[in-house]
Amino acid sequence: MTGYFRTALLLAGLTAFFLAVGYMLGGEGGMIVALMIALGMNAFAYWNSDKMVLRMYGARTLDPKSAPDLYRMVQDLSARAQIPMPKLYIMDNPQPNAFATGRNPENAAVAVTSGLMNILNRDEVAGVVAHELAHVRNRDTLIMTIAATVAGAIGMLANFALFFGGNRNNPLGVVGAILIMILAPIAAMLVQMAISRTREYEADRVGGLIAGQPLALASALSKLQQGAARVDNDVAEHNPATAHMFIVNPLHKGGVDNLFSTHPNTENRIARLRDLAREMGAENFNPSNRPVSGPASGPSAGPRRGPWG
């Protein structure tokens, strides 16, 4: 089952669950009201969340003068991915991490932390950037916005569950409404997290193809996971709703691939990247120790060209 099909199936399941909960609680009227409110809230987030989250993390813009080598790398990888080059940002944060945001490839941004730049070598940085470009290429922001809209609508229906308990269109009664109020948001959250994890696996796969070195991304994920487990990200801890955006979980929840995690287990991700490397015949990876710094050095020092080269 491909990542795209699995995501479509989860979105369809989430939508069907919303329709069922809405109809049981308030009939068609209650269902439509909740959906309209959720659509309005998420439409605002869709158009403004990128600016809000970049400002929240104190991200500052990088250009060819301030970071020529990194800028050239992102430029080259964007060309391979066949998408416009996103805006490039750095966050002064000691935790090694990165994320992509933006409502579409034409309005995208990639942000990396100073902690990431301090511990990864050139090939590993390219792998991380390729992963984030894969999110942009796959329009994962749009997918997650749709998931958030439906999940938010389910949450709103649950909040009105007691009100709907006496509704003649509600076959569940007050007791059933209370159960829906408790269980529906949890179920919606689990499906939303499953979609998020699916998109991470797909971004790893596509990112490995873009960069041409899946093992470089695998090496980067191992370092980032260890670094994120040791170093706090205070902004993320105070805003856990943004955790799913990062390449590795910025919160200290351990490495268990459980139902309540927004990210797949890192070892599972690395195993899949190793399988991809074998399929590509890219099993031999000799990581460069050179950091991404200094003047632009061109693509020769970067990763090998992938299918989009």
C-alpha atoms as a PDB file:
ATOM      1  CA  MET A   1       0.000   0.000   0.000  1.00  0.00           C
ATOM      2  CA  THR A   2       1.592   3.269  -1.132  1.00  0.00           C
ATOM      3  CA  GLY A   3       1.876   6.312   1.123  1.00  0.00           C
ATOM      4  CA  TYR A   4      -0.549   8.281  -1.063  1.00  0.00           C
ATOM      5  CA  PHE A   5      -3.202   5.542  -1.008  1.00  0.00           C
ATOM      6  CA  ARG A   6      -2.831   5.049   2.741  1.00  0.00           C
ATOM      7  CA  THR A   7      -3.211   8.805   3.332  1.00  0.00           C
ATOM      8  CA  ALA A   8      -6.293   8.949   1.097  1.00  0.00           C
ATOM      9  CA  LEU A   9      -7.782   5.993   2.955  1.00  0.00           C
ATOM     10  CA  LEU A  10      -7.168   7.611   6.346  1.00  0.00           C
ATOM     11  CA  LEU A  11      -8.653  10.923   5.182  1.00  0.00           C
ATOM     12  CA  ALA A  12     -11.708   9.111   3.828  1.00  0.00           C
ATOM     13  CA  GLY A  13     -12.079   7.244   7.103  1.00  0.00           C
ATOM     14  CA  LEU A  14     -11.787  10.452   9.109  1.00  0.00           C
ATOM     15  CA  THR A  15     -14.421  12.144   6.929  1.00  0.00           C
ATOM     16  CA  ALA A  16     -16.775   9.188   7.199  1.00  0.00           C
ATOM     17  CA  PHE A  17     -16.316   9.185  10.972  1.00  0.00           C
ATOM     18  CA  PHE A  18     -17.207  12.882  11.102  1.00  0.00           C
ATOM     19  CA  LEU A  19     -20.358  12.323   9.055  1.00  0.00           C
ATOM     20  CA  ALA A  20     -21.422   9.447  11.287  1.00  0.00           C
ATOM     21  CA  VAL A  21     -20.768  11.331  14.547  1.00  0.00           C
ATOM     22  CA  GLY A  22     -22.474  14.475  13.250  1.00  0.00           C
ATOM     23  CA  TYR A  23     -25.554  12.664  12.083  1.00  0.00           C
ATOM     24  CA  MET A  24     -25.895  10.645  15.299  1.00  0.00           C
ATOM     25  CA  LEU A  25     -25.566  13.741  17.485  1.00  0.00           C
ATOM     26  CA  GLY A  26     -27.343  16.531  15.664  1.00  0.00           C
ATOM     27  CA  GLY A  27     -28.581  15.311  12.342  1.00  0.00           C
ATOM     28  CA  GLU A  28     -27.564  17.101   9.171  1.00  0.00           C
ATOM     29  CA  GLY A  29     -27.918  20.574  10.707  1.00  0.00           C
ATOM     30  CA  GLY A  30     -25.463  20.040  13.547  1.00  0.00           C
ATOM     31  CA  MET A  31     -23.010  18.342  11.235  1.00  0.00           C
ATOM     32  CA  ILE A  32     -23.010  21.195   8.722  1.00  0.00           C
ATOM     33  CA  VAL A  33     -22.639  23.920  11.383  1.00  0.00           C
ATOM     34  CA  ALA A  34     -19.626  22.199  12.944  1.00  0.00           C
ATOM     35  CA  LEU A  35     -18.000  21.695   9.532  1.00  0.00           C
ATOM     36  CA  MET A  36     -18.491  25.342   8.541  1.00  0.00           C
ATOM     37  CA  ILE A  37     -16.902  26.601  11.764  1.00  0.00           C
ATOM     38  CA  ALA A  38     -13.942  24.230  11.392  1.00  0.00           C
ATOM     39  CA  LEU A  39     -13.469  25.226   7.750  1.00  0.00           C
ATOM     40  CA  GLY A  40     -13.351  28.902   8.698  1.00  0.00           C
ATOM     41  CA  MET A  41     -10.802  28.346  11.457  1.00  0.00           C
ATOM     42  CA  ASN A  42      -8.533  26.201   9.317  1.00  0.00           C
ATOM     43  CA  ALA A  43      -8.810  28.471   6.271  1.00  0.00           C
ATOM     44  CA  PHE A  44      -7.338  31.245   8.413  1.00  0.00           C
ATOM     45  CA  ALA A  45      -4.606  28.882   9.620  1.00  0.00           C
ATOM     46  CA  TYR A  46      -3.879  27.692   6.064  1.00  0.00           C
ATOM     47  CA  TRP A  47      -3.198  31.230   4.822  1.00  0.00           C
ATOM     48  CA  ASN A  48      -1.385  32.521   7.893  1.00  0.00           C
ATOM     49  CA  SER A  49       0.131  29.617   9.828  1.00  0.00           C
ATOM     50  CA  ASP A  50       3.483  29.750   8.002  1.00  0.00           C
ATOM     51  CA  LYS A  51       4.104  33.350   9.043  1.00  0.00           C
ATOM     52  CA  MET A  52       2.851  32.672  12.560  1.00  0.00           C
ATOM     53  CA  VAL A  53       5.044  29.623  13.159  1.00  0.00           C
ATOM     54  CA  LEU A  54       8.183  31.220  11.683  1.00  0.00           C
ATOM     55  CA  ARG A  55       7.660  34.230  13.937  1.00  0.00           C
ATOM     56  CA  MET A  56       6.969  31.945  16.906  1.00  0.00           C
ATOM     57  CA  TYR A  57      10.346  30.244  16.489  1.00  0.00           C
ATOM     58  CA  GLY A  58      12.232  33.477  15.835  1.00  0.00           C
ATOM     59  CA  ALA A  59      13.283  32.330  12.367  1.00  0.00           C
ATOM     60  CA  ARG A  60      15.366  34.755  10.332  1.00  0.00           C
ATOM     61  CA  THR A  61      15.802  34.781   6.573  1.00  0.00           C
ATOM     62  CA  LEU A  62      18.942  33.440   4.909  1.00  0.00           C
ATOM     63  CA  ASP A  63      20.070  34.688   1.514  1.00  0.00           C
ATOM     64  CA  PRO A  64      22.999  34.028  -0.859  1.00  0.00           C
ATOM     65  CA  LYS A  65      25.167  36.494   1.046  1.00  0.00           C
ATOM     66  CA  SER A  66      24.522  35.268   4.575  1.00  0.00           C
ATOM     67  CA  ALA A  67      24.661  31.535   3.788  1.00  0.00           C
ATOM     68  CA  PRO A  68      25.987  31.019   0.253  1.00  0.00           C
ATOM     69  CA  ASP A  69      26.772  27.309   0.570  1.00  0.00           C
ATOM     70  CA  LEU A  70      23.463  26.312   2.161  1.00  0.00           C
ATOM     71  CA  TYR A  71      21.522  28.579  -0.198  1.00  0.00           C
ATOM     72  CA  ARG A  72      23.155  26.982  -3.245  1.00  0.00           C
ATOM     73  CA  MET A  73      22.449  23.508  -1.859  1.00  0.00           C
ATOM     74  CA  VAL A  74      18.728  24.274  -1.405  1.00  0.00           C
ATOM     75  CA  GLN A  75      18.653  25.817  -4.865  1.00  0.00           C
ATOM     76  CA  ASP A  76      20.146  22.683  -6.448  1.00  0.00           C
ATOM     77  CA  LEU A  77      17.903  20.279  -4.542  1.00  0.00           C
ATOM     78  CA  SER A  78      14.793  22.323  -5.390  1.00  0.00           C
ATOM     79  CA  ALA A  79      15.697  22.062  -9.071  1.00  0.00           C
ATOM     80  CA  ARG A  80      16.017  18.286  -8.734  1.00  0.00           C
ATOM     81  CA  ALA A  81      12.635  18.129  -7.000  1.00  0.00           C
ATOM     82  CA  GLN A  82      11.168  20.279  -9.807  1.00  0.00           C
ATOM     83  CA  ILE A  83       9.673  22.846  -7.439  1.00  0.00           C
ATOM     84  CA  PRO A  84      10.378  26.564  -6.938  1.00  0.00           C
ATOM     85  CA  MET A  85      13.084  27.253  -4.390  1.00  0.00           C
ATOM     86  CA  PRO A  86      11.419  27.919  -1.022  1.00  0.00           C
ATOM     87  CA  LYS A  87      12.395  30.754   1.268  1.00  0.00           C
ATOM     88  CA  LEU A  88      15.212  29.690   3.573  1.00  0.00           C
ATOM     89  CA  TYR A  89      15.282  30.401   7.313  1.00  0.00           C
ATOM     90  CA  ILE A  90      17.426  29.597  10.320  1.00  0.00           C
ATOM     91  CA  MET A  91      16.228  29.344  13.914  1.00  0.00           C
ATOM     92  CA  ASP A  92      18.652  30.145  16.727  1.00  0.00           C
ATOM     93  CA  ASN A  93      17.784  26.991  18.636  1.00  0.00           C
ATOM     94  CA  PRO A  94      20.305  24.493  20.048  1.00  0.00           C
ATOM     95  CA  GLN A  95      18.044  21.504  19.359  1.00  0.00           C
ATOM     96  CA  PRO A  96      18.947  19.971  15.964  1.00  0.00           C
ATOM     97  CA  ASN A  97      15.768  19.977  13.883  1.00  0.00           C
ATOM     98  CA  ALA A  98      14.063  21.371  10.779  1.00  0.00           C
ATOM     99  CA  PHE A  99      10.624  21.869   9.259  1.00  0.00           C
ATOM    100  CA  ALA A 100       8.876  23.030   6.099  1.00  0.00           C
ATOM    101  CA  THR A 101       5.780  25.187   5.943  1.00  0.00           C
ATOM    102  CA  GLY A 102       3.719  27.116   3.409  1.00  0.00           C
ATOM    103  CA  ARG A 103       0.375  26.578   1.700  1.00  0.00           C
ATOM    104  CA  ASN A 104       1.843  25.390  -1.638  1.00  0.00           C
ATOM    105  CA  PRO A 105       5.191  24.977  -3.449  1.00  0.00           C
ATOM    106  CA  GLU A 106       5.033  28.572  -4.674  1.00  0.00           C
ATOM    107  CA  ASN A 107       4.722  29.917  -1.106  1.00  0.00           C
ATOM    108  CA  ALA A 108       6.890  27.488   0.850  1.00  0.00           C
ATOM    109  CA  ALA A 109       9.596  27.945   3.458  1.00  0.00           C
ATOM    110  CA  VAL A 110      12.244  25.608   4.881  1.00  0.00           C
ATOM    111  CA  ALA A 111      13.696  26.364   8.315  1.00  0.00           C
ATOM    112  CA  VAL A 112      16.656  24.675   9.999  1.00  0.00           C
ATOM    113  CA  THR A 113      17.982  25.192  13.507  1.00  0.00           C
ATOM    114  CA  SER A 114      21.471  26.324  14.408  1.00  0.00           C
ATOM    115  CA  GLY A 115      21.759  23.085  16.362  1.00  0.00           C
ATOM    116  CA  LEU A 116      21.234  21.088  13.167  1.00  0.00           C
ATOM    117  CA  MET A 117      23.910  23.047  11.308  1.00  0.00           C
ATOM    118  CA  ASN A 118      26.349  22.413  14.155  1.00  0.00           C
ATOM    119  CA  ILE A 119      26.144  18.599  14.189  1.00  0.00           C
ATOM    120  CA  LEU A 120      25.415  17.473  10.610  1.00  0.00           C
ATOM    121  CA  ASN A 121      27.871  17.208   7.773  1.00  0.00           C
ATOM    122  CA  ARG A 122      27.195  18.400   4.251  1.00  0.00           C
ATOM    123  CA  ASP A 123      25.596  15.196   2.922  1.00  0.00           C
ATOM    124  CA  GLU A 124      23.360  14.867   5.979  1.00  0.00           C
ATOM    125  CA  VAL A 125      22.159  18.467   5.702  1.00  0.00           C
ATOM    126  CA  ALA A 126      21.321  17.780   2.046  1.00  0.00           C
ATOM    127  CA  GLY A 127      19.304  14.736   3.113  1.00  0.00           C
ATOM    128  CA  VAL A 128      17.319  16.754   5.650  1.00  0.00           C
ATOM    129  CA  VAL A 129      16.678  19.561   3.163  1.00  0.00           C
ATOM    130  CA  ALA A 130      15.537  16.999   0.569  1.00  0.00           C
ATOM    131  CA  HIS A 131      13.110  15.524   3.128  1.00  0.00           C
ATOM    132  CA  GLU A 132      11.604  18.965   3.739  1.00  0.00           C
ATOM    133  CA  LEU A 133      11.402  19.666   0.012  1.00  0.00           C
ATOM    134  CA  ALA A 134       9.541  16.367  -0.342  1.00  0.00           C
ATOM    135  CA  HIS A 135       6.920  17.670   2.095  1.00  0.00           C
ATOM    136  CA  VAL A 136       6.596  20.762  -0.105  1.00  0.00           C
ATOM    137  CA  ARG A 137       6.472  18.708  -3.308  1.00  0.00           C
ATOM    138  CA  ASN A 138       3.859  16.349  -1.843  1.00  0.00           C
ATOM    139  CA  ARG A 139       1.724  19.285  -0.616  1.00  0.00           C
ATOM    140  CA  ASP A 140       1.643  17.815   2.863  1.00  0.00           C
ATOM    141  CA  THR A 141       0.638  21.143   4.381  1.00  0.00           C
ATOM    142  CA  LEU A 142      -2.623  20.976   2.414  1.00  0.00           C
ATOM    143  CA  ILE A 143      -3.183  17.337   3.425  1.00  0.00           C
ATOM    144  CA  MET A 144      -2.644  18.093   7.099  1.00  0.00           C
ATOM    145  CA  THR A 145      -4.910  21.154   6.856  1.00  0.00           C
ATOM    146  CA  ILE A 146      -7.724  18.969   5.506  1.00  0.00           C
ATOM    147  CA  ALA A 147      -7.117  16.454   8.301  1.00  0.00           C
ATOM    148  CA  ALA A 148      -7.094  19.245  10.885  1.00  0.00           C
ATOM    149  CA  THR A 149     -10.351  20.653   9.480  1.00  0.00           C
ATOM    150  CA  VAL A 150     -12.215  17.358   9.813  1.00  0.00           C
ATOM    151  CA  ALA A 151     -10.668  16.546  13.200  1.00  0.00           C
ATOM    152  CA  GLY A 152     -11.522  20.043  14.410  1.00  0.00           C
ATOM    153  CA  ALA A 153     -15.109  19.634  13.248  1.00  0.00           C
ATOM    154  CA  ILE A 154     -15.355  16.337  15.147  1.00  0.00           C
ATOM    155  CA  GLY A 155     -13.994  18.071  18.244  1.00  0.00           C
ATOM    156  CA  MET A 156     -16.620  20.793  17.943  1.00  0.00           C
ATOM    157  CA  LEU A 157     -19.386  18.244  17.585  1.00  0.00           C
ATOM    158  CA  ALA A 158     -18.080  16.520  20.712  1.00  0.00           C
ATOM    159  CA  ASN A 159     -18.111  19.824  22.612  1.00  0.00           C
ATOM    160  CA  PHE A 160     -21.788  20.221  21.731  1.00  0.00           C
ATOM    161  CA  ALA A 161     -22.565  16.576  22.538  1.00  0.00           C
ATOM    162  CA  LEU A 162     -24.544  17.311  25.713  1.00  0.00           C
ATOM    163  CA  PHE A 163     -26.555  19.968  23.900  1.00  0.00           C
ATOM    164  CA  PHE A 164     -27.377  17.437  21.177  1.00  0.00           C
ATOM    165  CA  GLY A 165     -28.236  14.799  23.790  1.00  0.00           C
ATOM    166  CA  GLY A 166     -31.834  15.955  23.972  1.00  0.00           C
ATOM    167  CA  ASN A 167     -32.155  16.485  20.246  1.00  0.00           C
ATOM    168  CA  ARG A 168     -34.889  14.348  18.712  1.00  0.00           C
ATOM    169  CA  ASN A 169     -32.482  13.542  15.848  1.00  0.00           C
ATOM    170  CA  ASN A 170     -30.057  11.974  18.320  1.00  0.00           C
ATOM    171  CA  PRO A 171     -30.677   8.220  18.819  1.00  0.00           C
ATOM    172  CA  LEU A 172     -27.975   7.929  21.505  1.00  0.00           C
ATOM    173  CA  GLY A 173     -29.493   9.890  24.347  1.00  0.00           C
ATOM    174  CA  VAL A 174     -27.546  11.739  27.024  1.00  0.00           C
ATOM    175  CA  VAL A 175     -25.345   8.784  28.027  1.00  0.00           C
ATOM    176  CA  GLY A 176     -24.386   8.098  24.421  1.00  0.00           C
ATOM    177  CA  ALA A 177     -23.688  11.788  23.877  1.00  0.00           C
ATOM    178  CA  ILE A 178     -21.293  11.827  26.836  1.00  0.00           C
ATOM    179  CA  LEU A 179     -19.444   8.799  25.413  1.00  0.00           C
ATOM    180  CA  ILE A 180     -19.175  10.520  22.035  1.00  0.00           C
ATOM    181  CA  MET A 181     -17.892  13.664  23.769  1.00  0.00           C
ATOM    182  CA  ILE A 182     -15.039  11.653  25.279  1.00  0.00           C
ATOM    183  CA  LEU A 183     -14.211   9.115  22.575  1.00  0.00           C
ATOM    184  CA  ALA A 184     -14.755  10.994  19.290  1.00  0.00           C
ATOM    185  CA  PRO A 185     -11.912  13.553  19.695  1.00  0.00           C
ATOM    186  CA  ILE A 186      -9.508  10.779  20.741  1.00  0.00           C
ATOM    187  CA  ALA A 187     -10.383   8.709  17.683  1.00  0.00           C
ATOM    188  CA  ALA A 188     -10.029  11.743  15.406  1.00  0.00           C
ATOM    189  CA  MET A 189      -6.642  12.588  16.961  1.00  0.00           C
ATOM    190  CA  LEU A 190      -5.388   9.040  16.384  1.00  0.00           C
ATOM    191  CA  VAL A 191      -6.344   9.130  12.700  1.00  0.00           C
ATOM    192  CA  GLN A 192      -4.776  12.582  12.308  1.00  0.00           C
ATOM    193  CA  MET A 193      -1.540  11.318  13.860  1.00  0.00           C
ATOM    194  CA  ALA A 194      -1.590   8.261  11.598  1.00  0.00           C
ATOM    195  CA  ILE A 195      -1.816  10.579   8.587  1.00  0.00           C
ATOM    196  CA  SER A 196       1.112  12.618   9.924  1.00  0.00           C
ATOM    197  CA  ARG A 197       3.249   9.510  10.381  1.00  0.00           C
ATOM    198  CA  THR A 198       2.377   8.304   6.871  1.00  0.00           C
ATOM    199  CA  ARG A 199       3.477  11.631   5.408  1.00  0.00           C
ATOM    200  CA  GLU A 200       6.817  11.386   7.265  1.00  0.00           C
ATOM    201  CA  TYR A 201       7.549   7.975   5.752  1.00  0.00           C
ATOM    202  CA  GLU A 202       6.651   9.274   2.300  1.00  0.00           C
ATOM    203  CA  ALA A 203       8.807  12.385   2.727  1.00  0.00           C
ATOM    204  CA  ASP A 204      11.738  10.165   3.755  1.00  0.00           C
ATOM    205  CA  ARG A 205      11.291   8.078   0.604  1.00  0.00           C
ATOM    206  CA  VAL A 206      10.917  11.009  -1.779  1.00  0.00           C
ATOM    207  CA  GLY A 207      13.666  12.953   0.003  1.00  0.00           C
ATOM    208  CA  GLY A 208      16.032   9.999  -0.403  1.00  0.00           C
ATOM    209  CA  LEU A 209      15.273   9.971  -4.130  1.00  0.00           C
ATOM    210  CA  ILE A 210      15.735  13.727  -4.503  1.00  0.00           C
ATOM    211  CA  ALA A 211      19.102  13.763  -2.731  1.00  0.00           C
ATOM    212  CA  GLY A 212      20.202  10.464  -4.234  1.00  0.00           C
ATOM    213  CA  GLN A 213      21.660   9.264  -0.916  1.00  0.00           C
ATOM    214  CA  PRO A 214      19.020   7.701   1.359  1.00  0.00           C
ATOM    215  CA  LEU A 215      21.732   6.629   3.808  1.00  0.00           C
ATOM    216  CA  ALA A 216      22.781  10.254   4.308  1.00  0.00           C
ATOM    217  CA  LEU A 217      19.228  11.038   5.442  1.00  0.00           C
ATOM    218  CA  ALA A 218      19.255   7.905   7.612  1.00  0.00           C
ATOM    219  CA  SER A 219      22.479   9.067   9.267  1.00  0.00           C
ATOM    220  CA  ALA A 220      20.996  12.535   9.793  1.00  0.00           C
ATOM    221  CA  LEU A 221      17.829  11.121  11.380  1.00  0.00           C
ATOM    222  CA  SER A 222      19.891   9.124  13.873  1.00  0.00           C
ATOM    223  CA  LYS A 223      21.876  12.211  14.897  1.00  0.00           C
ATOM    224  CA  LEU A 224      18.789  14.423  15.058  1.00  0.00           C
ATOM    225  CA  GLN A 225      16.862  11.942  17.183  1.00  0.00           C
ATOM    226  CA  GLN A 226      19.714  11.679  19.676  1.00  0.00           C
ATOM    227  CA  GLY A 227      20.160  15.446  19.746  1.00  0.00           C
ATOM    228  CA  ALA A 228      16.442  16.182  20.153  1.00  0.00           C
ATOM    229  CA  ALA A 229      16.285  13.729  23.062  1.00  0.00           C
ATOM    230  CA  ARG A 230      19.108  15.560  24.862  1.00  0.00           C
ATOM    231  CA  VAL A 231      18.327  19.197  24.079  1.00  0.00           C
ATOM    232  CA  ASP A 232      15.084  20.969  24.990  1.00  0.00           C
ATOM    233  CA  ASN A 233      13.107  22.982  22.481  1.00  0.00           C
ATOM    234  CA  ASP A 234      11.290  25.338  24.845  1.00  0.00           C
ATOM    235  CA  VAL A 235       9.125  26.923  22.142  1.00  0.00           C
ATOM    236  CA  ALA A 236       7.899  23.526  20.945  1.00  0.00           C
ATOM    237  CA  GLU A 237       7.259  22.360  24.505  1.00  0.00           C
ATOM    238  CA  HIS A 238       4.980  25.376  25.002  1.00  0.00           C
ATOM    239  CA  ASN A 239       3.362  24.896  21.570  1.00  0.00           C
ATOM    240  CA  PRO A 240       3.027  21.107  21.146  1.00  0.00           C
ATOM    241  CA  ALA A 241       0.559  21.534  18.274  1.00  0.00           C
ATOM    242  CA  THR A 242       3.552  22.456  16.071  1.00  0.00           C
ATOM    243  CA  ALA A 243       5.496  19.277  16.893  1.00  0.00           C
ATOM    244  CA  HIS A 244       4.256  17.370  13.830  1.00  0.00           C
ATOM    245  CA  MET A 245       5.941  19.903  11.538  1.00  0.00           C
ATOM    246  CA  PHE A 246       9.485  18.954  12.526  1.00  0.00           C
ATOM    247  CA  ILE A 247      11.531  16.204  10.905  1.00  0.00           C
ATOM    248  CA  VAL A 248      11.979  14.535  14.318  1.00  0.00           C
ATOM    249  CA  ASN A 249       9.758  14.955  17.362  1.00  0.00           C
ATOM    250  CA  PRO A 250      10.968  18.062  19.241  1.00  0.00           C
ATOM    251  CA  LEU A 251       9.160  16.969  22.405  1.00  0.00           C
ATOM    252  CA  HIS A 252      10.618  14.557  24.958  1.00  0.00           C
ATOM    253  CA  LYS A 253       8.206  11.651  24.533  1.00  0.00           C
ATOM    254  CA  GLY A 254      10.695   8.868  23.948  1.00  0.00           C
ATOM    255  CA  GLY A 255      11.212   6.819  20.811  1.00  0.00           C
ATOM    256  CA  VAL A 256       8.244   4.443  20.975  1.00  0.00           C
ATOM    257  CA  ASP A 257       6.210   4.194  17.774  1.00  0.00           C
ATOM    258  CA  ASN A 258       2.870   4.352  19.576  1.00  0.00           C
ATOM    259  CA  LEU A 259      -0.592   5.578  18.694  1.00  0.00           C
ATOM    260  CA  PHE A 260      -0.028   8.936  20.354  1.00  0.00           C
ATOM    261  CA  SER A 261       3.167   9.881  18.510  1.00  0.00           C
ATOM    262  CA  THR A 262       3.114  12.325  15.592  1.00  0.00           C
ATOM    263  CA  HIS A 263       6.308  10.763  14.211  1.00  0.00           C
ATOM    264  CA  PRO A 264       7.203   7.196  13.257  1.00  0.00           C
ATOM    265  CA  ASN A 265       9.881   5.422  15.255  1.00  0.00           C
ATOM    266  CA  THR A 266      13.256   6.659  13.992  1.00  0.00           C
ATOM    267  CA  GLU A 267      14.672   3.143  13.705  1.00  0.00           C
ATOM    268  CA  ASN A 268      11.732   2.185  11.482  1.00  0.00           C
ATOM    269  CA  ARG A 269      12.408   5.195   9.286  1.00  0.00           C
ATOM    270  CA  ILE A 270      16.101   4.321   9.041  1.00  0.00           C
ATOM    271  CA  ALA A 271      15.270   0.711   8.133  1.00  0.00           C
ATOM    272  CA  ARG A 272      13.038   1.892   5.280  1.00  0.00           C
ATOM    273  CA  LEU A 273      15.755   4.227   4.011  1.00  0.00           C
ATOM    274  CA  ARG A 274      18.245   1.355   4.025  1.00  0.00           C
ATOM    275  CA  ASP A 275      15.794  -0.699   1.962  1.00  0.00           C
ATOM    276  CA  LEU A 276      15.475   2.204  -0.461  1.00  0.00           C
ATOM    277  CA  ALA A 277      19.268   2.484  -0.702  1.00  0.00           C
ATOM    278  CA  ARG A 278      19.472  -1.198  -1.651  1.00  0.00           C
ATOM    279  CA  GLU A 279      16.812  -0.713  -4.321  1.00  0.00           C
ATOM    280  CA  MET A 280      18.743   2.264  -5.712  1.00  0.00           C
ATOM    281  CA  GLY A 281      22.095   0.513  -5.525  1.00  0.00           C
ATOM    282  CA  ALA A 282      23.290   3.238  -3.151  1.00  0.00           C
ATOM    283  CA  GLU A 283      24.358   0.987  -0.275  1.00  0.00           C
ATOM    284  CA  ASN A 284      27.861   2.439  -0.011  1.00  0.00           C
ATOM    285  CA  PHE A 285      27.761   5.735   1.857  1.00  0.00           C
ATOM    286  CA  ASN A 286      30.964   7.460   2.916  1.00  0.00           C
ATOM    287  CA  PRO A 287      29.826  10.568   4.761  1.00  0.00           C
ATOM    288  CA  SER A 288      31.725  13.758   4.215  1.00  0.00           C
ATOM    289  CA  ASN A 289      33.006  15.491   7.328  1.00  0.00           C
ATOM    290  CA  ARG A 290      32.767  18.876   5.677  1.00  0.00           C
ATOM    291  CA  PRO A 291      30.154  21.228   7.169  1.00  0.00           C
ATOM    292  CA  VAL A 292      27.928  23.449   5.077  1.00  0.00           C
ATOM    293  CA  SER A 293      29.735  26.759   5.356  1.00  0.00           C
ATOM    294  CA  GLY A 294      31.872  29.195   3.431  1.00  0.00           C
ATOM    295  CA  PRO A 295      31.288  30.311  -0.174  1.00  0.00           C
ATOM    296  CA  ALA A 296      29.019  28.424  -2.525  1.00  0.00           C
ATOM    297  CA  SER A 297      30.931  25.428  -3.785  1.00  0.00           C
ATOM    298  CA  GLY A 298      28.559  24.098  -6.422  1.00  0.00           C
ATOM    299  CA  PRO A 299      26.799  20.764  -6.740  1.00  0.00           C
ATOM    300  CA  SER A 300      29.942  18.657  -7.044  1.00  0.00           C
ATOM    301  CA  ALA A 301      30.363  18.510  -3.282  1.00  0.00           C
ATOM    302  CA  GLY A 302      26.704  17.723  -2.681  1.00  0.00           C
ATOM    303  CA  PRO A 303      24.726  14.505  -3.016  1.00  0.00           C
ATOM    304  CA  ARG A 304      24.533  12.442  -6.157  1.00  0.00           C
ATOM    305  CA  ARG A 305      21.752  13.254  -8.572  1.00  0.00           C
ATOM    306  CA  GLY A 306      18.500  11.400  -8.109  1.00  0.00           C
ATOM    307  CA  PRO A 307      15.616  10.746 -10.521  1.00  0.00           C
ATOM    308  CA  TRP A 308      14.726  14.457 -10.638  1.00  0.00           C
ATOM    309  CA  GLY A 309      18.220  15.537 -11.684  1.00  0.00           C
END
